[in-house]
Amino acid sequence: VLDLSTSLTAEADGACTLRLRVDGLTCGACGWLIESALKRQPGVDLARVNLTTRRLTLRWQGGEGAAPALLATVTRLGYRLA
């Protein structure tokens, strides 16, 4: 089970931001795939993968409770989050 307590920030405007490491990235297409899948999810404002740092930055509206479902989108694609 992934501990989100140190990676999740509740913003003043009601949005949540999460920054996590993504394991299994091999190329730009991996980043594009993750970003595209997340951007199709309701409430997602930003999904950006940095290939150099292997970090995902995810921002959404809808509260912290939406995090598990959003992260499941990434794991279903075959990537591990840490």
PDB file of N, CA and C in Angstrom:
ATOM      1  N   VAL A   1       0.847  -1.181   0.000  1.00  0.00           N
ATOM      2  CA  VAL A   1       0.000   0.000   0.000  1.00  0.00           C
ATOM      3  C   VAL A   1       0.888   1.238   0.000  1.00  0.00           C
ATOM      4  N   LEU A   2       0.598   2.150  -0.889  1.00  0.00           N
ATOM      5  CA  LEU A   2       1.378   3.364  -1.063  1.00  0.00           C
ATOM      6  C   LEU A   2       0.963   4.416  -0.037  1.00  0.00           C
ATOM      7  N   ASP A   3       1.936   4.951   0.709  1.00  0.00           N
ATOM      8  CA  ASP A   3       1.674   6.002   1.690  1.00  0.00           C
ATOM      9  C   ASP A   3       1.749   7.352   0.980  1.00  0.00           C
ATOM     10  N   LEU A   4       0.620   8.033   0.865  1.00  0.00           N
ATOM     11  CA  LEU A   4       0.558   9.293   0.148  1.00  0.00           C
ATOM     12  C   LEU A   4       0.763  10.509   1.039  1.00  0.00           C
ATOM     13  N   SER A   5       0.894  10.311   2.339  1.00  0.00           N
ATOM     14  CA  SER A   5       0.905  11.426   3.283  1.00  0.00           C
ATOM     15  C   SER A   5       2.012  12.443   3.018  1.00  0.00           C
ATOM     16  N   THR A   6       3.159  12.015   2.551  1.00  0.00           N
ATOM     17  CA  THR A   6       4.255  12.957   2.305  1.00  0.00           C
ATOM     18  C   THR A   6       4.259  13.483   0.874  1.00  0.00           C
ATOM     19  N   SER A   7       3.437  12.943  -0.004  1.00  0.00           N
ATOM     20  CA  SER A   7       3.432  13.318  -1.406  1.00  0.00           C
ATOM     21  C   SER A   7       2.211  14.113  -1.834  1.00  0.00           C
ATOM     22  N   LEU A   8       1.201  14.156  -0.989  1.00  0.00           N
ATOM     23  CA  LEU A   8      -0.079  14.774  -1.343  1.00  0.00           C
ATOM     24  C   LEU A   8      -0.211  16.124  -0.659  1.00  0.00           C
ATOM     25  N   THR A   9      -0.594  17.125  -1.446  1.00  0.00           N
ATOM     26  CA  THR A   9      -0.800  18.471  -0.934  1.00  0.00           C
ATOM     27  C   THR A   9      -2.210  18.927  -1.265  1.00  0.00           C
ATOM     28  N   ALA A  10      -2.933  19.393  -0.260  1.00  0.00           N
ATOM     29  CA  ALA A  10      -4.242  19.998  -0.484  1.00  0.00           C
ATOM     30  C   ALA A  10      -4.013  21.484  -0.712  1.00  0.00           C
ATOM     31  N   GLU A  11      -4.424  21.983  -1.871  1.00  0.00           N
ATOM     32  CA  GLU A  11      -4.194  23.372  -2.248  1.00  0.00           C
ATOM     33  C   GLU A  11      -5.300  24.267  -1.692  1.00  0.00           C
ATOM     34  N   ALA A  12      -5.022  25.560  -1.600  1.00  0.00           N
ATOM     35  CA  ALA A  12      -5.980  26.527  -1.069  1.00  0.00           C
ATOM     36  C   ALA A  12      -7.245  26.618  -1.924  1.00  0.00           C
ATOM     37  N   ASP A  13      -7.117  26.345  -3.229  1.00  0.00           N
ATOM     38  CA  ASP A  13      -8.276  26.447  -4.128  1.00  0.00           C
ATOM     39  C   ASP A  13      -9.132  25.181  -4.139  1.00  0.00           C
ATOM     40  N   GLY A  14      -8.808  24.217  -3.282  1.00  0.00           N
ATOM     41  CA  GLY A  14      -9.588  22.985  -3.196  1.00  0.00           C
ATOM     42  C   GLY A  14      -9.031  21.845  -4.023  1.00  0.00           C
ATOM     43  N   ALA A  15      -8.029  22.122  -4.835  1.00  0.00           N
ATOM     44  CA  ALA A  15      -7.400  21.077  -5.640  1.00  0.00           C
ATOM     45  C   ALA A  15      -6.421  20.275  -4.787  1.00  0.00           C
ATOM     46  N   CYS A  16      -6.064  19.108  -5.276  1.00  0.00           N
ATOM     47  CA  CYS A  16      -5.039  18.278  -4.645  1.00  0.00           C
ATOM     48  C   CYS A  16      -3.909  18.080  -5.638  1.00  0.00           C
ATOM     49  N   THR A  17      -2.687  18.094  -5.138  1.00  0.00           N
ATOM     50  CA  THR A  17      -1.516  17.849  -5.974  1.00  0.00           C
ATOM     51  C   THR A  17      -0.734  16.695  -5.374  1.00  0.00           C
ATOM     52  N   LEU A  18      -0.311  15.804  -6.243  1.00  0.00           N
ATOM     53  CA  LEU A  18       0.423  14.617  -5.828  1.00  0.00           C
ATOM     54  C   LEU A  18       1.669  14.498  -6.692  1.00  0.00           C
ATOM     55  N   ARG A  19       2.790  14.240  -6.048  1.00  0.00           N
ATOM     56  CA  ARG A  19       4.051  14.047  -6.762  1.00  0.00           C
ATOM     57  C   ARG A  19       4.628  12.697  -6.344  1.00  0.00           C
ATOM     58  N   LEU A  20       4.794  11.805  -7.332  1.00  0.00           N
ATOM     59  CA  LEU A  20       5.276  10.457  -7.051  1.00  0.00           C
ATOM     60  C   LEU A  20       6.306  10.026  -8.087  1.00  0.00           C
ATOM     61  N   ARG A  21       7.182   9.114  -7.685  1.00  0.00           N
ATOM     62  CA  ARG A  21       8.128   8.504  -8.618  1.00  0.00           C
ATOM     63  C   ARG A  21       7.394   7.413  -9.388  1.00  0.00           C
ATOM     64  N   VAL A  22       7.720   7.312 -10.682  1.00  0.00           N
ATOM     65  CA  VAL A  22       7.134   6.274 -11.530  1.00  0.00           C
ATOM     66  C   VAL A  22       8.244   5.327 -11.949  1.00  0.00           C
ATOM     67  N   ASP A  23       8.111   4.053 -11.608  1.00  0.00           N
ATOM     68  CA  ASP A  23       9.076   3.030 -12.020  1.00  0.00           C
ATOM     69  C   ASP A  23       8.576   2.354 -13.285  1.00  0.00           C
ATOM     70  N   GLY A  24       9.500   2.044 -14.198  1.00  0.00           N
ATOM     71  CA  GLY A  24       9.142   1.343 -15.426  1.00  0.00           C
ATOM     72  C   GLY A  24       9.113   2.222 -16.657  1.00  0.00           C
ATOM     73  N   LEU A  25       9.429   3.514 -16.496  1.00  0.00           N
ATOM     74  CA  LEU A  25       9.472   4.408 -17.658  1.00  0.00           C
ATOM     75  C   LEU A  25      10.689   4.084 -18.511  1.00  0.00           C
ATOM     76  N   THR A  26      10.485   3.951 -19.809  1.00  0.00           N
ATOM     77  CA  THR A  26      11.615   3.658 -20.695  1.00  0.00           C
ATOM     78  C   THR A  26      11.783   4.681 -21.812  1.00  0.00           C
ATOM     79  N   CYS A  27      10.723   5.455 -22.107  1.00  0.00           N
ATOM     80  CA  CYS A  27      10.824   6.397 -23.231  1.00  0.00           C
ATOM     81  C   CYS A  27       9.735   7.453 -23.123  1.00  0.00           C
ATOM     82  N   GLY A  28       9.764   8.388 -24.040  1.00  0.00           N
ATOM     83  CA  GLY A  28       8.772   9.454 -24.062  1.00  0.00           C
ATOM     84  C   GLY A  28       7.357   8.952 -24.241  1.00  0.00           C
ATOM     85  N   ALA A  29       7.199   7.855 -24.956  1.00  0.00           N
ATOM     86  CA  ALA A  29       5.859   7.302 -25.165  1.00  0.00           C
ATOM     87  C   ALA A  29       5.248   6.832 -23.843  1.00  0.00           C
ATOM     88  N   CYS A  30       6.072   6.365 -22.924  1.00  0.00           N
ATOM     89  CA  CYS A  30       5.570   5.955 -21.596  1.00  0.00           C
ATOM     90  C   CYS A  30       4.957   7.155 -20.890  1.00  0.00           C
ATOM     91  N   GLY A  31       5.670   8.265 -20.895  1.00  0.00           N
ATOM     92  CA  GLY A  31       5.168   9.477 -20.271  1.00  0.00           C
ATOM     93  C   GLY A  31       3.886   9.955 -20.929  1.00  0.00           C
ATOM     94  N   TRP A  32       3.861   9.938 -22.247  1.00  0.00           N
ATOM     95  CA  TRP A  32       2.672  10.359 -22.992  1.00  0.00           C
ATOM     96  C   TRP A  32       1.475   9.483 -22.639  1.00  0.00           C
ATOM     97  N   LEU A  33       1.690   8.187 -22.560  1.00  0.00           N
ATOM     98  CA  LEU A  33       0.608   7.254 -22.246  1.00  0.00           C
ATOM     99  C   LEU A  33       0.008   7.542 -20.867  1.00  0.00           C
ATOM    100  N   ILE A  34       0.854   7.736 -19.887  1.00  0.00           N
ATOM    101  CA  ILE A  34       0.394   8.020 -18.527  1.00  0.00           C
ATOM    102  C   ILE A  34      -0.353   9.349 -18.489  1.00  0.00           C
ATOM    103  N   GLU A  35       0.244  10.375 -19.078  1.00  0.00           N
ATOM    104  CA  GLU A  35      -0.405  11.682 -19.088  1.00  0.00           C
ATOM    105  C   GLU A  35      -1.761  11.634 -19.783  1.00  0.00           C
ATOM    106  N   SER A  36      -1.817  10.998 -20.928  1.00  0.00           N
ATOM    107  CA  SER A  36      -3.064  10.919 -21.695  1.00  0.00           C
ATOM    108  C   SER A  36      -4.160  10.191 -20.930  1.00  0.00           C
ATOM    109  N   ALA A  37      -3.806   9.079 -20.301  1.00  0.00           N
ATOM    110  CA  ALA A  37      -4.796   8.305 -19.550  1.00  0.00           C
ATOM    111  C   ALA A  37      -5.323   9.098 -18.355  1.00  0.00           C
ATOM    112  N   LEU A  38      -4.437   9.808 -17.674  1.00  0.00           N
ATOM    113  CA  LEU A  38      -4.867  10.573 -16.504  1.00  0.00           C
ATOM    114  C   LEU A  38      -5.691  11.786 -16.898  1.00  0.00           C
ATOM    115  N   LYS A  39      -5.328  12.443 -17.980  1.00  0.00           N
ATOM    116  CA  LYS A  39      -6.056  13.647 -18.407  1.00  0.00           C
ATOM    117  C   LYS A  39      -7.488  13.326 -18.821  1.00  0.00           C
ATOM    118  N   ARG A  40      -7.770  12.081 -19.141  1.00  0.00           N
ATOM    119  CA  ARG A  40      -9.139  11.675 -19.485  1.00  0.00           C
ATOM    120  C   ARG A  40     -10.005  11.417 -18.252  1.00  0.00           C
ATOM    121  N   GLN A  41      -9.396  11.411 -17.072  1.00  0.00           N
ATOM    122  CA  GLN A  41     -10.147  11.145 -15.846  1.00  0.00           C
ATOM    123  C   GLN A  41     -10.851  12.413 -15.367  1.00  0.00           C
ATOM    124  N   PRO A  42     -12.072  12.280 -14.858  1.00  0.00           N
ATOM    125  CA  PRO A  42     -12.816  13.448 -14.394  1.00  0.00           C
ATOM    126  C   PRO A  42     -12.074  14.202 -13.289  1.00  0.00           C
ATOM    127  N   GLY A  43     -12.038  15.517 -13.406  1.00  0.00           N
ATOM    128  CA  GLY A  43     -11.450  16.371 -12.382  1.00  0.00           C
ATOM    129  C   GLY A  43      -9.969  16.623 -12.512  1.00  0.00           C
ATOM    130  N   VAL A  44      -9.275  15.912 -13.399  1.00  0.00           N
ATOM    131  CA  VAL A  44      -7.821  16.077 -13.522  1.00  0.00           C
ATOM    132  C   VAL A  44      -7.518  17.372 -14.270  1.00  0.00           C
ATOM    133  N   ASP A  45      -6.746  18.246 -13.613  1.00  0.00           N
ATOM    134  CA  ASP A  45      -6.324  19.521 -14.197  1.00  0.00           C
ATOM    135  C   ASP A  45      -4.959  19.408 -14.864  1.00  0.00           C
ATOM    136  N   LEU A  46      -4.096  18.568 -14.300  1.00  0.00           N
ATOM    137  CA  LEU A  46      -2.718  18.472 -14.776  1.00  0.00           C
ATOM    138  C   LEU A  46      -2.198  17.062 -14.542  1.00  0.00           C
ATOM    139  N   ALA A  47      -1.556  16.525 -15.548  1.00  0.00           N
ATOM    140  CA  ALA A  47      -0.840  15.250 -15.418  1.00  0.00           C
ATOM    141  C   ALA A  47       0.433  15.416 -16.230  1.00  0.00           C
ATOM    142  N   ARG A  48       1.566  15.423 -15.548  1.00  0.00           N
ATOM    143  CA  ARG A  48       2.830  15.640 -16.233  1.00  0.00           C
ATOM    144  C   ARG A  48       3.864  14.656 -15.718  1.00  0.00           C
ATOM    145  N   VAL A  49       4.539  13.987 -16.645  1.00  0.00           N
ATOM    146  CA  VAL A  49       5.608  13.053 -16.302  1.00  0.00           C
ATOM    147  C   VAL A  49       6.931  13.669 -16.743  1.00  0.00           C
ATOM    148  N   ASN A  50       7.881  13.740 -15.812  1.00  0.00           N
ATOM    149  CA  ASN A  50       9.223  14.214 -16.121  1.00  0.00           C
ATOM    150  C   ASN A  50      10.095  12.975 -16.283  1.00  0.00           C
ATOM    151  N   LEU A  51      10.560  12.733 -17.504  1.00  0.00           N
ATOM    152  CA  LEU A  51      11.351  11.529 -17.767  1.00  0.00           C
ATOM    153  C   LEU A  51      12.719  11.574 -17.111  1.00  0.00           C
ATOM    154  N   THR A  52      13.279  12.756 -16.934  1.00  0.00           N
ATOM    155  CA  THR A  52      14.598  12.873 -16.318  1.00  0.00           C
ATOM    156  C   THR A  52      14.561  12.475 -14.844  1.00  0.00           C
ATOM    157  N   THR A  53      13.569  12.990 -14.132  1.00  0.00           N
ATOM    158  CA  THR A  53      13.471  12.688 -12.695  1.00  0.00           C
ATOM    159  C   THR A  53      12.577  11.490 -12.411  1.00  0.00           C
ATOM    160  N   ARG A  54      11.865  11.016 -13.449  1.00  0.00           N
ATOM    161  CA  ARG A  54      10.927   9.903 -13.327  1.00  0.00           C
ATOM    162  C   ARG A  54       9.826  10.208 -12.305  1.00  0.00           C
ATOM    163  N   ARG A  55       9.348  11.441 -12.341  1.00  0.00           N
ATOM    164  CA  ARG A  55       8.318  11.896 -11.407  1.00  0.00           C
ATOM    165  C   ARG A  55       7.038  12.259 -12.142  1.00  0.00           C
ATOM    166  N   LEU A  56       5.929  11.894 -11.520  1.00  0.00           N
ATOM    167  CA  LEU A  56       4.611  12.267 -11.989  1.00  0.00           C
ATOM    168  C   LEU A  56       4.089  13.383 -11.088  1.00  0.00           C
ATOM    169  N   THR A  57       3.622  14.452 -11.711  1.00  0.00           N
ATOM    170  CA  THR A  57       2.910  15.503 -10.988  1.00  0.00           C
ATOM    171  C   THR A  57       1.466  15.439 -11.450  1.00  0.00           C
ATOM    172  N   LEU A  58       0.567  15.271 -10.504  1.00  0.00           N
ATOM    173  CA  LEU A  58      -0.846  15.108 -10.802  1.00  0.00           C
ATOM    174  C   LEU A  58      -1.640  16.090  -9.953  1.00  0.00           C
ATOM    175  N   ARG A  59      -2.506  16.858 -10.618  1.00  0.00           N
ATOM    176  CA  ARG A  59      -3.352  17.836  -9.912  1.00  0.00           C
ATOM    177  C   ARG A  59      -4.788  17.602 -10.338  1.00  0.00           C
ATOM    178  N   TRP A  60      -5.693  17.551  -9.351  1.00  0.00           N
ATOM    179  CA  TRP A  60      -7.097  17.312  -9.655  1.00  0.00           C
ATOM    180  C   TRP A  60      -8.002  18.024  -8.660  1.00  0.00           C
ATOM    181  N   GLN A  61      -9.257  18.171  -9.054  1.00  0.00           N
ATOM    182  CA  GLN A  61     -10.318  18.695  -8.199  1.00  0.00           C
ATOM    183  C   GLN A  61     -11.100  17.484  -7.683  1.00  0.00           C
ATOM    184  N   GLY A  62     -11.617  17.581  -6.480  1.00  0.00           N
ATOM    185  CA  GLY A  62     -12.452  16.492  -6.003  1.00  0.00           C
ATOM    186  C   GLY A  62     -12.011  15.852  -4.704  1.00  0.00           C
ATOM    187  N   GLY A  63     -10.980  16.364  -4.088  1.00  0.00           N
ATOM    188  CA  GLY A  63     -10.578  15.871  -2.781  1.00  0.00           C
ATOM    189  C   GLY A  63      -9.598  14.709  -2.818  1.00  0.00           C
ATOM    190  N   GLU A  64      -9.001  14.477  -1.675  1.00  0.00           N
ATOM    191  CA  GLU A  64      -7.970  13.453  -1.526  1.00  0.00           C
ATOM    192  C   GLU A  64      -8.494  12.048  -1.782  1.00  0.00           C
ATOM    193  N   GLY A  65      -9.785  11.832  -1.568  1.00  0.00           N
ATOM    194  CA  GLY A  65     -10.366  10.513  -1.749  1.00  0.00           C
ATOM    195  C   GLY A  65     -10.306  10.006  -3.179  1.00  0.00           C
ATOM    196  N   ALA A  66     -10.081  10.895  -4.134  1.00  0.00           N
ATOM    197  CA  ALA A  66      -9.998  10.486  -5.538  1.00  0.00           C
ATOM    198  C   ALA A  66      -8.633   9.888  -5.891  1.00  0.00           C
ATOM    199  N   ALA A  67      -7.647  10.066  -5.039  1.00  0.00           N
ATOM    200  CA  ALA A  67      -6.280   9.625  -5.340  1.00  0.00           C
ATOM    201  C   ALA A  67      -6.171   8.138  -5.687  1.00  0.00           C
ATOM    202  N   PRO A  68      -6.729   7.215  -4.906  1.00  0.00           N
ATOM    203  CA  PRO A  68      -6.564   5.796  -5.244  1.00  0.00           C
ATOM    204  C   PRO A  68      -7.067   5.426  -6.642  1.00  0.00           C
ATOM    205  N   ALA A  69      -8.197   5.963  -7.040  1.00  0.00           N
ATOM    206  CA  ALA A  69      -8.729   5.645  -8.366  1.00  0.00           C
ATOM    207  C   ALA A  69      -7.843   6.228  -9.465  1.00  0.00           C
ATOM    208  N   LEU A  70      -7.330   7.431  -9.256  1.00  0.00           N
ATOM    209  CA  LEU A  70      -6.453   8.037 -10.250  1.00  0.00           C
ATOM    210  C   LEU A  70      -5.144   7.257 -10.372  1.00  0.00           C
ATOM    211  N   LEU A  71      -4.592   6.849  -9.255  1.00  0.00           N
ATOM    212  CA  LEU A  71      -3.340   6.096  -9.271  1.00  0.00           C
ATOM    213  C   LEU A  71      -3.534   4.706  -9.859  1.00  0.00           C
ATOM    214  N   ALA A  72      -4.709   4.142  -9.682  1.00  0.00           N
ATOM    215  CA  ALA A  72      -5.003   2.832 -10.279  1.00  0.00           C
ATOM    216  C   ALA A  72      -4.940   2.912 -11.800  1.00  0.00           C
ATOM    217  N   THR A  73      -5.248   4.070 -12.363  1.00  0.00           N
ATOM    218  CA  THR A  73      -5.129   4.268 -13.806  1.00  0.00           C
ATOM    219  C   THR A  73      -3.692   4.011 -14.262  1.00  0.00           C
ATOM    220  N   VAL A  74      -2.739   4.494 -13.488  1.00  0.00           N
ATOM    221  CA  VAL A  74      -1.317   4.331 -13.831  1.00  0.00           C
ATOM    222  C   VAL A  74      -0.888   2.881 -13.654  1.00  0.00           C
ATOM    223  N   THR A  75      -1.290   2.259 -12.570  1.00  0.00           N
ATOM    224  CA  THR A  75      -0.866   0.877 -12.326  1.00  0.00           C
ATOM    225  C   THR A  75      -1.486  -0.083 -13.330  1.00  0.00           C
ATOM    226  N   ARG A  76      -2.704   0.212 -13.793  1.00  0.00           N
ATOM    227  CA  ARG A  76      -3.313  -0.638 -14.831  1.00  0.00           C
ATOM    228  C   ARG A  76      -2.526  -0.584 -16.146  1.00  0.00           C
ATOM    229  N   LEU A  77      -1.807   0.494 -16.354  1.00  0.00           N
ATOM    230  CA  LEU A  77      -0.961   0.622 -17.544  1.00  0.00           C
ATOM    231  C   LEU A  77       0.350  -0.155 -17.416  1.00  0.00           C
ATOM    232  N   GLY A  78       0.634  -0.645 -16.195  1.00  0.00           N
ATOM    233  CA  GLY A  78       1.817  -1.462 -15.990  1.00  0.00           C
ATOM    234  C   GLY A  78       2.983  -0.758 -15.315  1.00  0.00           C
ATOM    235  N   TYR A  79       2.745   0.424 -14.757  1.00  0.00           N
ATOM    236  CA  TYR A  79       3.814   1.174 -14.089  1.00  0.00           C
ATOM    237  C   TYR A  79       3.622   1.098 -12.585  1.00  0.00           C
ATOM    238  N   ARG A  80       4.741   1.190 -11.851  1.00  0.00           N
ATOM    239  CA  ARG A  80       4.707   1.163 -10.399  1.00  0.00           C
ATOM    240  C   ARG A  80       4.941   2.581  -9.886  1.00  0.00           C
ATOM    241  N   LEU A  81       4.220   2.939  -8.844  1.00  0.00           N
ATOM    242  CA  LEU A  81       4.368   4.254  -8.224  1.00  0.00           C
ATOM    243  C   LEU A  81       5.020   4.100  -6.861  1.00  0.00           C
ATOM    244  N   ALA A  82       5.903   5.045  -6.543  1.00  0.00           N
ATOM    245  CA  ALA A  82       6.598   4.995  -5.259  1.00  0.00           C
ATOM    246  C   ALA A  82       6.682   6.392  -4.672  1.00  0.00           C
TER     247      ALA A  82
END
